[in-house]
Amino acid sequence: MVIRTAQKSLSEHFRHVLQLLIGLVTTMMQWLIRCLWVITGIHMRKLRHGLGNRGGNISGDGAKDCGT
């Protein structure tokens, strides 16, 4: 009887920990996807800026006028 209740509480505890882990992993994945989305968006914008302004001629001053 005692063993059965201990086993039950252990499995409930394990299930609770598993739910917490799944929640944590999904939150981490959402943040990772958001960060990657922002980073790729910035890179694409920089590439478009450099190619559009210089007509394909990538020079050193392409980074200077990015902020203006």
N, C-alpha and C. Protein backbone atom coordinates (compact mmCIF):
# COMPACT_ATOMS: atom_id res chain seq x y z
N MET A 1 0.83 -1.21 0.00
CA MET A 1 0.00 0.00 0.00
C MET A 1 0.87 1.26 0.00
N VAL A 2 1.87 1.27 0.87
CA VAL A 2 2.76 2.43 0.96
C VAL A 2 3.56 2.59 -0.33
N ILE A 3 4.02 1.46 -0.87
CA ILE A 3 4.82 1.49 -2.10
C ILE A 3 3.99 2.05 -3.25
N ARG A 4 2.71 1.64 -3.30
CA ARG A 4 1.85 2.06 -4.40
C ARG A 4 1.64 3.59 -4.35
N THR A 5 1.40 4.14 -3.17
CA THR A 5 1.19 5.59 -3.07
C THR A 5 2.48 6.34 -3.39
N ALA A 6 3.61 5.79 -2.98
CA ALA A 6 4.89 6.44 -3.28
C ALA A 6 5.13 6.43 -4.80
N GLN A 7 4.81 5.31 -5.43
CA GLN A 7 4.96 5.21 -6.88
C GLN A 7 4.05 6.21 -7.58
N LYS A 8 2.82 6.33 -7.09
CA LYS A 8 1.87 7.25 -7.71
C LYS A 8 2.35 8.69 -7.58
N SER A 9 2.80 9.07 -6.40
CA SER A 9 3.26 10.45 -6.20
C SER A 9 4.50 10.71 -7.05
N LEU A 10 5.36 9.71 -7.20
CA LEU A 10 6.56 9.86 -8.02
C LEU A 10 6.18 10.07 -9.49
N SER A 11 5.21 9.30 -9.98
CA SER A 11 4.80 9.45 -11.38
C SER A 11 4.12 10.80 -11.58
N GLU A 12 3.33 11.26 -10.61
CA GLU A 12 2.70 12.58 -10.71
C GLU A 12 3.76 13.67 -10.73
N HIS A 13 4.77 13.51 -9.86
CA HIS A 13 5.86 14.48 -9.82
C HIS A 13 6.61 14.49 -11.15
N PHE A 14 6.86 13.31 -11.69
CA PHE A 14 7.56 13.19 -12.97
C PHE A 14 6.75 13.84 -14.09
N ARG A 15 5.43 13.62 -14.08
CA ARG A 15 4.57 14.21 -15.10
C ARG A 15 4.59 15.73 -14.99
N HIS A 16 4.59 16.24 -13.75
CA HIS A 16 4.63 17.69 -13.53
C HIS A 16 5.94 18.27 -14.06
N VAL A 17 7.05 17.60 -13.75
CA VAL A 17 8.36 18.05 -14.23
C VAL A 17 8.41 18.01 -15.75
N LEU A 18 7.83 16.97 -16.34
CA LEU A 18 7.81 16.83 -17.79
C LEU A 18 7.02 17.97 -18.43
N GLN A 19 5.87 18.33 -17.82
CA GLN A 19 5.07 19.45 -18.34
C GLN A 19 5.87 20.74 -18.26
N LEU A 20 6.58 20.95 -17.14
CA LEU A 20 7.40 22.15 -17.00
C LEU A 20 8.49 22.19 -18.07
N LEU A 21 9.14 21.05 -18.30
CA LEU A 21 10.20 20.98 -19.31
C LEU A 21 9.66 21.27 -20.70
N ILE A 22 8.50 20.70 -21.02
CA ILE A 22 7.91 20.93 -22.35
C ILE A 22 7.57 22.40 -22.52
N GLY A 23 7.01 23.01 -21.46
CA GLY A 23 6.69 24.44 -21.52
C GLY A 23 7.94 25.27 -21.72
N LEU A 24 9.00 24.91 -21.00
CA LEU A 24 10.26 25.65 -21.11
C LEU A 24 10.84 25.52 -22.51
N VAL A 25 10.83 24.32 -23.05
CA VAL A 25 11.39 24.08 -24.39
C VAL A 25 10.61 24.84 -25.45
N THR A 26 9.27 24.84 -25.35
CA THR A 26 8.48 25.55 -26.35
C THR A 26 8.73 27.05 -26.26
N THR A 27 8.87 27.57 -25.03
CA THR A 27 9.16 29.00 -24.87
C THR A 27 10.52 29.33 -25.47
N MET A 28 11.52 28.47 -25.20
CA MET A 28 12.86 28.70 -25.74
C MET A 28 12.82 28.67 -27.27
N MET A 29 12.08 27.72 -27.84
CA MET A 29 12.00 27.63 -29.30
C MET A 29 11.35 28.87 -29.89
N GLN A 30 10.29 29.38 -29.24
CA GLN A 30 9.63 30.59 -29.73
C GLN A 30 10.60 31.76 -29.73
N TRP A 31 11.38 31.91 -28.63
CA TRP A 31 12.35 33.01 -28.57
C TRP A 31 13.44 32.84 -29.62
N LEU A 32 13.89 31.58 -29.81
CA LEU A 32 14.94 31.31 -30.79
C LEU A 32 14.46 31.66 -32.20
N ILE A 33 13.24 31.24 -32.52
CA ILE A 33 12.69 31.53 -33.85
C ILE A 33 12.55 33.03 -34.04
N ARG A 34 12.08 33.74 -32.99
CA ARG A 34 11.91 35.19 -33.09
C ARG A 34 13.26 35.86 -33.31
N CYS A 35 14.28 35.44 -32.55
CA CYS A 35 15.62 36.03 -32.69
C CYS A 35 16.18 35.76 -34.09
N LEU A 36 16.05 34.53 -34.57
CA LEU A 36 16.54 34.20 -35.91
C LEU A 36 15.81 35.01 -36.97
N TRP A 37 14.50 35.19 -36.78
CA TRP A 37 13.70 35.96 -37.74
C TRP A 37 14.21 37.39 -37.81
N VAL A 38 14.47 37.99 -36.62
CA VAL A 38 14.96 39.38 -36.57
C VAL A 38 16.34 39.47 -37.20
N ILE A 39 17.23 38.51 -36.86
CA ILE A 39 18.61 38.54 -37.38
C ILE A 39 18.61 38.40 -38.91
N THR A 40 17.83 37.45 -39.43
CA THR A 40 17.80 37.27 -40.88
C THR A 40 17.17 38.48 -41.55
N GLY A 41 16.17 39.09 -40.92
CA GLY A 41 15.56 40.29 -41.47
C GLY A 41 16.55 41.43 -41.57
N ILE A 42 17.38 41.61 -40.53
CA ILE A 42 18.39 42.67 -40.55
C ILE A 42 19.42 42.39 -41.65
N HIS A 43 19.86 41.14 -41.75
CA HIS A 43 20.85 40.79 -42.78
C HIS A 43 20.29 41.03 -44.18
N MET A 44 19.03 40.63 -44.40
CA MET A 44 18.44 40.82 -45.73
C MET A 44 18.30 42.30 -46.05
N ARG A 45 17.95 43.11 -45.04
CA ARG A 45 17.80 44.54 -45.26
C ARG A 45 19.15 45.15 -45.62
N LYS A 46 20.21 44.72 -44.92
CA LYS A 46 21.55 45.24 -45.22
C LYS A 46 21.97 44.84 -46.63
N LEU A 47 21.71 43.59 -47.00
CA LEU A 47 22.07 43.13 -48.34
C LEU A 47 21.32 43.93 -49.40
N ARG A 48 20.02 44.14 -49.18
CA ARG A 48 19.22 44.89 -50.14
C ARG A 48 19.72 46.33 -50.24
N HIS A 49 20.06 46.92 -49.08
CA HIS A 49 20.58 48.28 -49.06
C HIS A 49 21.86 48.37 -49.89
N GLY A 50 22.80 47.46 -49.59
CA GLY A 50 24.09 47.51 -50.27
C GLY A 50 23.96 47.30 -51.77
N LEU A 51 23.15 46.32 -52.18
CA LEU A 51 23.00 46.04 -53.61
C LEU A 51 22.18 47.11 -54.30
N GLY A 52 21.14 47.62 -53.64
CA GLY A 52 20.27 48.61 -54.26
C GLY A 52 20.96 49.95 -54.44
N ASN A 53 21.71 50.39 -53.43
CA ASN A 53 22.34 51.71 -53.49
C ASN A 53 23.52 51.74 -54.44
N ARG A 54 24.27 50.64 -54.50
CA ARG A 54 25.49 50.64 -55.29
C ARG A 54 25.30 49.98 -56.65
N GLY A 55 24.13 49.46 -56.90
CA GLY A 55 23.90 48.79 -58.18
C GLY A 55 24.75 47.55 -58.35
N GLY A 56 24.94 46.81 -57.27
CA GLY A 56 25.73 45.59 -57.33
C GLY A 56 27.19 45.82 -57.03
N ASN A 57 27.63 47.08 -56.96
CA ASN A 57 29.02 47.38 -56.66
C ASN A 57 29.16 47.51 -55.15
N ILE A 58 29.68 46.47 -54.50
CA ILE A 58 29.80 46.48 -53.04
C ILE A 58 31.14 47.11 -52.69
N SER A 59 31.06 48.27 -52.04
CA SER A 59 32.29 48.97 -51.65
C SER A 59 32.29 49.18 -50.14
N GLY A 60 33.37 49.73 -49.61
CA GLY A 60 33.52 49.91 -48.18
C GLY A 60 32.57 50.93 -47.59
N ASP A 61 32.14 51.91 -48.39
CA ASP A 61 31.28 52.96 -47.84
C ASP A 61 29.81 52.54 -47.82
N GLY A 62 29.52 51.30 -48.16
CA GLY A 62 28.14 50.84 -48.10
C GLY A 62 27.63 50.76 -46.68
N ALA A 63 28.52 50.47 -45.73
CA ALA A 63 28.10 50.34 -44.34
C ALA A 63 27.90 51.71 -43.70
N LYS A 64 28.58 52.73 -44.20
CA LYS A 64 28.50 54.06 -43.58
C LYS A 64 27.12 54.68 -43.75
N ASP A 65 26.56 54.60 -44.93
CA ASP A 65 25.27 55.26 -45.16
C ASP A 65 24.09 54.37 -44.80
N CYS A 66 24.36 53.26 -44.11
CA CYS A 66 23.26 52.39 -43.71
C CYS A 66 22.43 53.06 -42.61
N GLY A 67 23.07 53.79 -41.71
CA GLY A 67 22.36 54.39 -40.59
C GLY A 67 21.56 55.61 -40.97
N THR A 68 21.84 56.24 -42.10
CA THR A 68 21.15 57.48 -42.45
C THR A 68 19.80 57.20 -43.07
